Amino acid sequence: TAGTDLPALLAAAVVGARAKPGDILAVAHKIVSKAEGQTIVLADVVPSAAALALADETGKDPRLCEVILGQTRRIVRRRGATLICETHHGFVCANAAVDASNTAPGTVIVLPRDPDRSARHIQSRVSAAVGGRVGVVITDTHGRAFRRGIVNIAIGAAGFRTVVDHRGTVDREGRVMVATEQALGDELAAAAGILMDKAGGLPAVLI
């Protein structure tokens, strides 16, 4: 809930799990958003004219449309009830990542305002508890263009290098790599997502 000291809870959890320096803690954004007060009661939302117009076009609740628009820098694509939006963070995802799952009826959850800052707060407490650097990656499930299904990706991180630059190194045939940057943060988020069952109540995974 809003005001929960999530970094302290996670610090205690990783100590109990015998975490060690060099480990990575993957945290579902939903518990971060809840702790930071990013849960919105739809009954408190007053739809704007733009939200009402969008609701007519999509069939969505006008109040939900208002929340989505509030999280949106621009609508990238729209087809029927499907909205692909760019959030103010720069993420491109369905409904600006506004989510009604695993939250009380009549409420929706939006992304943390600054996921990297949230990750830094968690990382500081967790690392202090373990006695060495533990990386943190905050995750969310997104779809992919031209690909079926959703996958966990990194939306915030701290304490480790999330993109590993292989440019300038050579492959097994001696060719210099000129464009290869490994999205390590996304790979770790996806791996953790295998264990984060949507109904399993497991919002943090130690890697």
Protein backbone atom coordinates (compact mmCIF):
# COMPACT_ATOMS: atom_id res chain seq x y z
CA THR A 1 0.00 0.00 0.00
CA ALA A 2 1.02 3.64 -0.32
CA GLY A 3 3.72 4.52 2.18
CA THR A 4 5.01 0.98 2.66
CA ASP A 5 8.79 0.97 3.16
CA LEU A 6 9.38 -1.34 0.23
CA PRO A 7 13.21 -1.03 0.21
CA ALA A 8 13.26 -2.22 3.85
CA LEU A 9 10.98 -5.17 3.09
CA LEU A 10 13.10 -6.20 0.13
CA ALA A 11 16.33 -5.76 2.10
CA ALA A 12 15.01 -8.16 4.75
CA ALA A 13 13.88 -10.59 2.06
CA VAL A 14 17.24 -10.75 0.28
CA VAL A 15 19.07 -11.29 3.58
CA GLY A 16 16.69 -14.16 4.28
CA ALA A 17 17.41 -15.52 0.81
CA ARG A 18 21.17 -15.35 1.50
CA ALA A 19 21.84 -12.87 -1.27
CA LYS A 20 25.46 -11.98 -1.90
CA PRO A 21 27.25 -9.10 -3.62
CA GLY A 22 26.97 -9.43 -7.38
CA ASP A 23 23.43 -10.79 -7.32
CA ILE A 24 20.59 -8.99 -9.10
CA LEU A 25 17.16 -8.40 -7.60
CA ALA A 26 14.32 -8.19 -10.12
CA VAL A 27 11.25 -6.36 -8.80
CA ALA A 28 7.86 -6.14 -10.51
CA HIS A 29 6.96 -2.49 -10.92
CA LYS A 30 3.49 -3.07 -9.50
CA ILE A 31 4.67 -3.29 -5.89
CA VAL A 32 6.90 -0.26 -6.46
CA SER A 33 3.96 1.70 -7.87
CA LYS A 34 1.69 0.64 -5.01
CA ALA A 35 4.25 1.66 -2.38
CA GLU A 36 4.76 5.01 -4.11
CA GLY A 37 1.04 5.81 -4.23
CA GLN A 38 0.60 5.27 -7.94
CA THR A 39 -2.77 3.55 -7.54
CA ILE A 40 -5.68 5.54 -8.97
CA VAL A 41 -9.32 5.20 -7.91
CA LEU A 42 -11.39 5.48 -11.08
CA ALA A 43 -14.36 6.94 -9.20
CA ASP A 44 -12.20 9.95 -8.41
CA VAL A 45 -11.33 10.59 -12.06
CA VAL A 46 -13.19 13.27 -14.04
CA PRO A 47 -12.94 12.57 -17.78
CA SER A 48 -11.90 15.41 -20.06
CA ALA A 49 -13.42 16.08 -23.46
CA ALA A 50 -10.47 14.28 -25.06
CA ALA A 51 -11.05 11.25 -22.81
CA LEU A 52 -14.75 11.20 -23.66
CA ALA A 53 -13.95 11.31 -27.37
CA LEU A 54 -11.38 8.51 -26.98
CA ALA A 55 -13.91 6.44 -25.03
CA ASP A 56 -16.42 6.81 -27.89
CA GLU A 57 -13.79 5.60 -30.36
CA THR A 58 -12.46 2.68 -28.30
CA GLY A 59 -15.37 1.58 -26.12
CA LYS A 60 -13.22 2.01 -23.01
CA ASP A 61 -14.39 3.55 -19.73
CA PRO A 62 -13.96 7.34 -20.10
CA ARG A 63 -12.28 7.48 -16.70
CA LEU A 64 -9.76 4.87 -17.80
CA CYS A 65 -9.16 6.86 -20.98
CA GLU A 66 -8.44 9.93 -18.85
CA VAL A 67 -5.84 8.02 -16.83
CA ILE A 68 -4.25 6.64 -20.01
CA LEU A 69 -4.07 10.11 -21.55
CA GLY A 70 -2.51 11.45 -18.38
CA GLN A 71 0.29 8.90 -18.71
CA THR A 72 0.72 9.42 -22.46
CA ARG A 73 3.11 11.64 -24.37
CA ARG A 74 1.57 10.56 -27.68
CA ILE A 75 -0.64 7.82 -29.08
CA VAL A 76 1.50 5.86 -31.52
CA ARG A 77 -1.18 3.55 -32.97
CA ARG A 78 -4.87 2.98 -32.41
CA ARG A 79 -7.03 0.16 -33.72
CA GLY A 80 -10.42 -0.57 -32.19
CA ALA A 81 -9.97 -0.77 -28.44
CA THR A 82 -6.20 -1.20 -28.75
CA LEU A 83 -4.07 1.82 -27.85
CA ILE A 84 -0.30 1.80 -28.27
CA CYS A 85 1.08 4.80 -26.42
CA GLU A 86 4.40 6.42 -25.69
CA THR A 87 4.58 7.20 -21.98
CA HIS A 88 6.21 10.30 -20.54
CA HIS A 89 9.16 8.03 -19.67
CA GLY A 90 9.56 7.11 -23.35
CA PHE A 91 8.22 3.54 -23.16
CA VAL A 92 6.01 2.41 -26.04
CA CYS A 93 3.37 0.00 -24.75
CA ALA A 94 -0.33 -0.81 -24.59
CA ASN A 95 -2.52 1.69 -22.72
CA ALA A 96 0.54 3.62 -21.49
CA ALA A 97 1.11 0.67 -19.09
CA VAL A 98 -2.04 1.53 -17.10
CA ASP A 99 -3.00 -1.79 -15.51
CA ALA A 100 -6.10 -3.08 -13.73
CA SER A 101 -4.70 -6.51 -12.80
CA ASN A 102 -3.65 -7.40 -9.25
CA THR A 103 -5.24 -4.29 -7.81
CA ALA A 104 -8.51 -3.66 -6.01
CA PRO A 105 -11.69 -3.45 -8.12
CA GLY A 106 -12.31 0.07 -9.33
CA THR A 107 -8.62 0.99 -9.27
CA VAL A 108 -5.77 0.99 -11.77
CA ILE A 109 -2.02 1.17 -11.31
CA VAL A 110 0.32 3.39 -13.29
CA LEU A 111 4.10 3.23 -13.62
CA PRO A 112 6.44 4.76 -11.04
CA ARG A 113 7.18 8.40 -11.86
CA ASP A 114 10.93 7.72 -12.07
CA PRO A 115 11.69 3.97 -12.18
CA ASP A 116 15.47 4.51 -12.14
CA ARG A 117 15.21 6.59 -8.98
CA SER A 118 12.98 3.93 -7.42
CA ALA A 119 15.58 1.30 -8.33
CA ARG A 120 18.35 3.39 -6.74
CA HIS A 121 16.43 3.65 -3.47
CA ILE A 122 15.89 -0.12 -3.35
CA GLN A 123 19.44 -0.84 -4.45
CA SER A 124 20.94 1.31 -1.72
CA ARG A 125 19.01 -0.43 1.07
CA VAL A 126 19.48 -3.93 -0.31
CA SER A 127 23.21 -3.46 -0.86
CA ALA A 128 23.68 -2.10 2.66
CA ALA A 129 21.85 -5.09 4.10
CA VAL A 130 23.93 -7.59 2.11
CA GLY A 131 27.22 -5.80 2.67
CA GLY A 132 28.08 -5.30 -0.99
CA ARG A 133 26.65 -4.17 -4.30
CA VAL A 134 23.44 -5.89 -5.37
CA GLY A 135 21.91 -4.73 -8.65
CA VAL A 136 18.21 -3.97 -8.98
CA VAL A 137 16.04 -4.14 -12.08
CA ILE A 138 12.41 -2.99 -12.03
CA THR A 139 10.32 -4.91 -14.54
CA ASP A 140 7.09 -4.62 -16.47
CA THR A 141 5.46 -6.87 -19.06
CA HIS A 142 5.29 -5.40 -22.55
CA GLY A 143 4.28 -6.65 -25.94
CA ARG A 144 6.70 -6.58 -28.87
CA ALA A 145 6.10 -5.29 -32.39
CA PHE A 146 5.34 -8.12 -34.81
CA ARG A 147 5.74 -10.71 -32.03
CA ARG A 148 3.04 -12.65 -30.24
CA GLY A 149 2.88 -12.59 -26.44
CA ILE A 150 4.28 -10.44 -23.66
CA VAL A 151 7.66 -10.50 -21.97
CA ASN A 152 9.18 -8.83 -18.93
CA ILE A 153 11.49 -5.93 -19.73
CA ALA A 154 13.55 -3.54 -17.63
CA ILE A 155 11.93 -0.16 -17.02
CA GLY A 156 14.32 0.95 -14.27
CA ALA A 157 17.66 -0.25 -12.94
CA ALA A 158 20.52 0.54 -10.59
CA GLY A 159 23.78 -1.01 -9.49
CA PHE A 160 24.77 -2.86 -12.66
CA ARG A 161 25.42 -2.23 -16.32
CA THR A 162 22.13 -2.86 -18.11
CA VAL A 163 23.55 -2.61 -21.64
CA VAL A 164 26.80 -4.44 -22.39
CA ASP A 165 28.60 -2.86 -25.34
CA HIS A 166 30.34 -5.46 -27.52
CA ARG A 167 31.19 -3.01 -30.29
CA GLY A 168 34.84 -3.14 -31.24
CA THR A 169 35.29 -6.73 -30.08
CA VAL A 170 35.65 -9.58 -32.57
CA ASP A 171 33.50 -12.64 -33.16
CA ARG A 172 34.81 -16.20 -33.58
CA GLU A 173 35.65 -15.51 -37.21
CA GLY A 174 37.66 -12.42 -36.37
CA ARG A 175 35.07 -9.93 -37.63
CA VAL A 176 34.79 -6.70 -35.69
CA MET A 177 31.32 -6.19 -34.22
CA VAL A 178 30.01 -2.72 -35.03
CA ALA A 179 26.44 -2.73 -33.70
CA THR A 180 26.14 -5.35 -30.96
CA GLU A 181 24.86 -4.01 -27.65
CA GLN A 182 23.49 -6.69 -25.33
CA ALA A 183 20.34 -5.66 -23.42
CA LEU A 184 21.36 -7.42 -20.20
CA GLY A 185 18.76 -5.63 -18.07
CA ASP A 186 15.96 -6.80 -20.36
CA GLU A 187 17.37 -10.34 -20.46
CA LEU A 188 17.45 -10.56 -16.66
CA ALA A 189 13.95 -9.08 -16.43
CA ALA A 190 12.68 -11.68 -18.89
CA ALA A 191 14.37 -14.50 -16.96
CA ALA A 192 12.77 -13.33 -13.71
CA GLY A 193 9.42 -13.09 -15.48
CA ILE A 194 9.38 -16.86 -15.90
CA LEU A 195 8.89 -17.12 -12.13
CA MET A 196 6.61 -14.08 -11.74
CA ASP A 197 3.34 -15.86 -12.43
CA LYS A 198 0.54 -13.32 -12.84
CA ALA A 199 -1.50 -14.92 -10.06
CA GLY A 200 1.41 -16.25 -8.02
CA GLY A 201 2.01 -13.30 -5.69
CA LEU A 202 5.76 -13.39 -6.32
CA PRO A 203 6.80 -9.83 -7.23
CA ALA A 204 10.55 -10.13 -6.60
CA VAL A 205 13.12 -12.64 -7.83
CA LEU A 206 16.75 -12.95 -6.76
CA ILE A 207 19.08 -13.73 -9.64
